[in-house]
Amino acid sequence: MKLITLFTIFLLSISVSFAKARFVRVLFSKDASNSASIVWEQKGGAFLGLCIDTIDPAKNNYRNQLKASTKNFYRGMNNYIVRLEDLKPKTRYYFSIKDSEGFSRVYYFSTVSNNPNDTIAFIGGGDSEMVVKHVVKQIVWWQN
């Protein structure tokens, strides 16, 4: 009996499939209090919609679905962009990508306040090692 139960759980766990979206990111290029763009690479499956809401999309049965604004196929990467406008300031938005393979995990982002007296902090990061190595090579070459 235990073996049958474990086997059933195993079959259920492998039958659940997820969307083939990766490199998911949110970009703010205009007014970060009311607009954003969601960008990702669609690694497999056919894109069907981006589910977004101010609550977890699974809780409202994924009813708010948007289509891609732009598709960019370049050098083997299939990038999709959904541009969002008329967002509410200082609000958390949850989203999930739906494709023919299923739904992605739920991601979230927050819009900033539209009050100019509110403060905001930025944390930046990246790989600066390449720049440092290049500068050091130039300095050594210049000294010789």
Protein backbone atom coordinates (compact mmCIF):
# COMPACT_ATOMS: atom_id res chain seq x y z
CA MET A 1 0.00 0.00 0.00
CA LYS A 2 2.84 2.39 0.88
CA LEU A 3 4.52 1.67 -2.43
CA ILE A 4 1.36 2.45 -4.40
CA THR A 5 0.91 5.75 -2.52
CA LEU A 6 4.51 6.78 -3.17
CA PHE A 7 4.21 5.83 -6.83
CA THR A 8 1.01 7.90 -7.19
CA ILE A 9 2.67 10.94 -5.57
CA PHE A 10 5.64 10.50 -7.91
CA LEU A 11 3.38 10.40 -10.99
CA LEU A 12 1.49 13.50 -9.87
CA SER A 13 4.72 15.39 -9.24
CA ILE A 14 6.13 14.71 -12.71
CA SER A 15 2.83 15.48 -14.45
CA VAL A 16 2.84 19.10 -13.23
CA SER A 17 4.46 21.23 -15.90
CA PHE A 18 5.68 24.80 -15.82
CA ALA A 19 6.04 27.48 -18.46
CA LYS A 20 9.35 27.57 -20.30
CA ALA A 21 10.12 31.21 -19.47
CA ARG A 22 13.55 32.27 -18.22
CA PHE A 23 15.54 35.48 -17.68
CA VAL A 24 12.40 37.25 -16.44
CA ARG A 25 12.91 40.94 -15.63
CA VAL A 26 10.89 44.10 -15.05
CA LEU A 27 12.10 47.34 -16.62
CA PHE A 28 11.09 50.89 -15.78
CA SER A 29 11.89 53.29 -18.62
CA LYS A 30 9.27 56.01 -18.26
CA ASP A 31 7.41 56.94 -15.09
CA ALA A 32 8.04 54.10 -12.62
CA SER A 33 4.90 55.04 -10.70
CA ASN A 34 2.54 54.08 -13.51
CA SER A 35 4.34 52.10 -16.23
CA ALA A 36 6.70 49.14 -16.60
CA SER A 37 7.77 46.49 -19.11
CA ILE A 38 8.07 42.78 -18.38
CA VAL A 39 10.67 41.01 -20.53
CA TRP A 40 11.64 37.33 -20.68
CA GLU A 41 13.06 34.66 -22.93
CA GLN A 42 10.58 32.02 -24.06
CA LYS A 43 12.77 28.91 -24.09
CA GLY A 44 10.03 26.51 -25.22
CA GLY A 45 6.30 26.20 -25.58
CA ALA A 46 3.99 28.72 -27.24
CA PHE A 47 3.35 31.95 -25.34
CA LEU A 48 -0.34 32.35 -24.50
CA GLY A 49 -0.52 35.34 -22.15
CA LEU A 50 0.85 37.21 -19.16
CA CYS A 51 -1.45 36.99 -16.13
CA ILE A 52 -1.16 40.05 -13.88
CA ASP A 53 -3.04 41.45 -10.90
CA THR A 54 -2.55 43.14 -7.54
CA ILE A 55 -3.17 39.75 -5.93
CA ASP A 56 -1.61 36.38 -6.71
CA PRO A 57 -3.03 35.44 -10.18
CA ALA A 58 -3.77 31.90 -8.99
CA LYS A 59 -6.22 33.32 -6.44
CA ASN A 60 -8.38 34.94 -9.13
CA ASN A 61 -8.08 32.02 -11.56
CA TYR A 62 -5.60 33.83 -13.86
CA ARG A 63 -8.35 36.01 -15.35
CA ASN A 64 -6.32 39.15 -16.28
CA GLN A 65 -4.29 38.01 -19.30
CA LEU A 66 -2.30 40.30 -21.58
CA LYS A 67 -0.72 39.57 -24.95
CA ALA A 68 2.87 40.42 -25.84
CA SER A 69 3.52 43.97 -27.06
CA THR A 70 6.71 42.99 -28.86
CA LYS A 71 8.49 39.78 -29.88
CA ASN A 72 12.21 39.82 -30.58
CA PHE A 73 13.85 36.74 -32.10
CA TYR A 74 17.61 37.21 -32.30
CA ARG A 75 20.60 34.85 -32.09
CA GLY A 76 18.57 31.92 -30.83
CA MET A 77 16.78 33.87 -28.09
CA ASN A 78 13.01 34.36 -28.27
CA ASN A 79 12.36 37.45 -26.17
CA TYR A 80 8.88 38.71 -25.38
CA ILE A 81 7.94 42.12 -23.99
CA VAL A 82 4.68 43.14 -22.37
CA ARG A 83 4.38 46.90 -21.83
CA LEU A 84 2.20 47.94 -18.91
CA GLU A 85 0.57 51.37 -18.69
CA ASP A 86 -1.87 53.01 -16.27
CA LEU A 87 -0.53 51.15 -13.25
CA LYS A 88 -1.36 52.40 -9.75
CA PRO A 89 1.47 54.17 -7.87
CA LYS A 90 2.98 52.48 -4.79
CA THR A 91 1.30 49.15 -5.61
CA ARG A 92 2.60 45.58 -5.71
CA TYR A 93 1.78 43.64 -8.88
CA TYR A 94 1.97 39.85 -9.22
CA PHE A 95 2.39 38.13 -12.57
CA SER A 96 2.80 34.70 -14.13
CA ILE A 97 3.66 33.78 -17.72
CA LYS A 98 1.31 31.31 -19.41
CA ASP A 99 2.41 29.15 -22.32
CA SER A 100 1.47 25.81 -23.85
CA GLU A 101 3.55 24.04 -21.16
CA GLY A 102 1.73 25.64 -18.18
CA PHE A 103 2.29 28.65 -15.93
CA SER A 104 5.58 30.09 -14.69
CA ARG A 105 6.17 30.72 -11.02
CA VAL A 106 4.56 33.90 -9.71
CA TYR A 107 6.80 36.99 -9.76
CA TYR A 108 6.08 40.41 -8.34
CA PHE A 109 7.24 44.01 -8.56
CA SER A 110 6.16 47.31 -7.01
CA THR A 111 5.56 50.66 -8.61
CA VAL A 112 7.03 53.67 -6.84
CA SER A 113 5.15 56.55 -5.29
CA ASN A 114 4.15 59.48 -7.48
CA ASN A 115 4.76 61.86 -4.57
CA PRO A 116 8.02 63.81 -5.21
CA ASN A 117 8.63 64.07 -1.44
CA ASP A 118 8.87 60.29 -1.00
CA THR A 119 12.39 58.87 -1.07
CA ILE A 120 13.66 55.96 -3.10
CA ALA A 121 16.84 53.92 -2.80
CA PHE A 122 18.71 52.11 -5.58
CA ILE A 123 20.97 49.12 -5.28
CA GLY A 124 23.14 48.51 -8.33
CA GLY A 125 25.25 45.52 -9.17
CA GLY A 126 27.03 43.81 -11.96
CA ASP A 127 30.29 42.23 -13.02
CA SER A 128 32.94 44.93 -12.95
CA GLU A 129 35.82 42.45 -13.06
CA MET A 130 36.14 42.65 -16.83
CA VAL A 131 36.49 46.44 -16.75
CA VAL A 132 39.12 46.31 -14.00
CA LYS A 133 41.23 43.72 -15.85
CA HIS A 134 41.05 45.80 -19.04
CA VAL A 135 42.10 49.00 -17.24
CA VAL A 136 44.99 47.22 -15.48
CA LYS A 137 46.25 45.86 -18.84
CA GLN A 138 46.17 49.37 -20.31
CA ILE A 139 48.06 50.83 -17.35
CA VAL A 140 50.75 48.14 -17.52
CA TRP A 141 51.10 48.67 -21.29
CA TRP A 142 51.32 52.45 -20.86
CA GLN A 143 54.06 52.17 -18.19
CA ASN A 144 56.24 49.94 -20.40
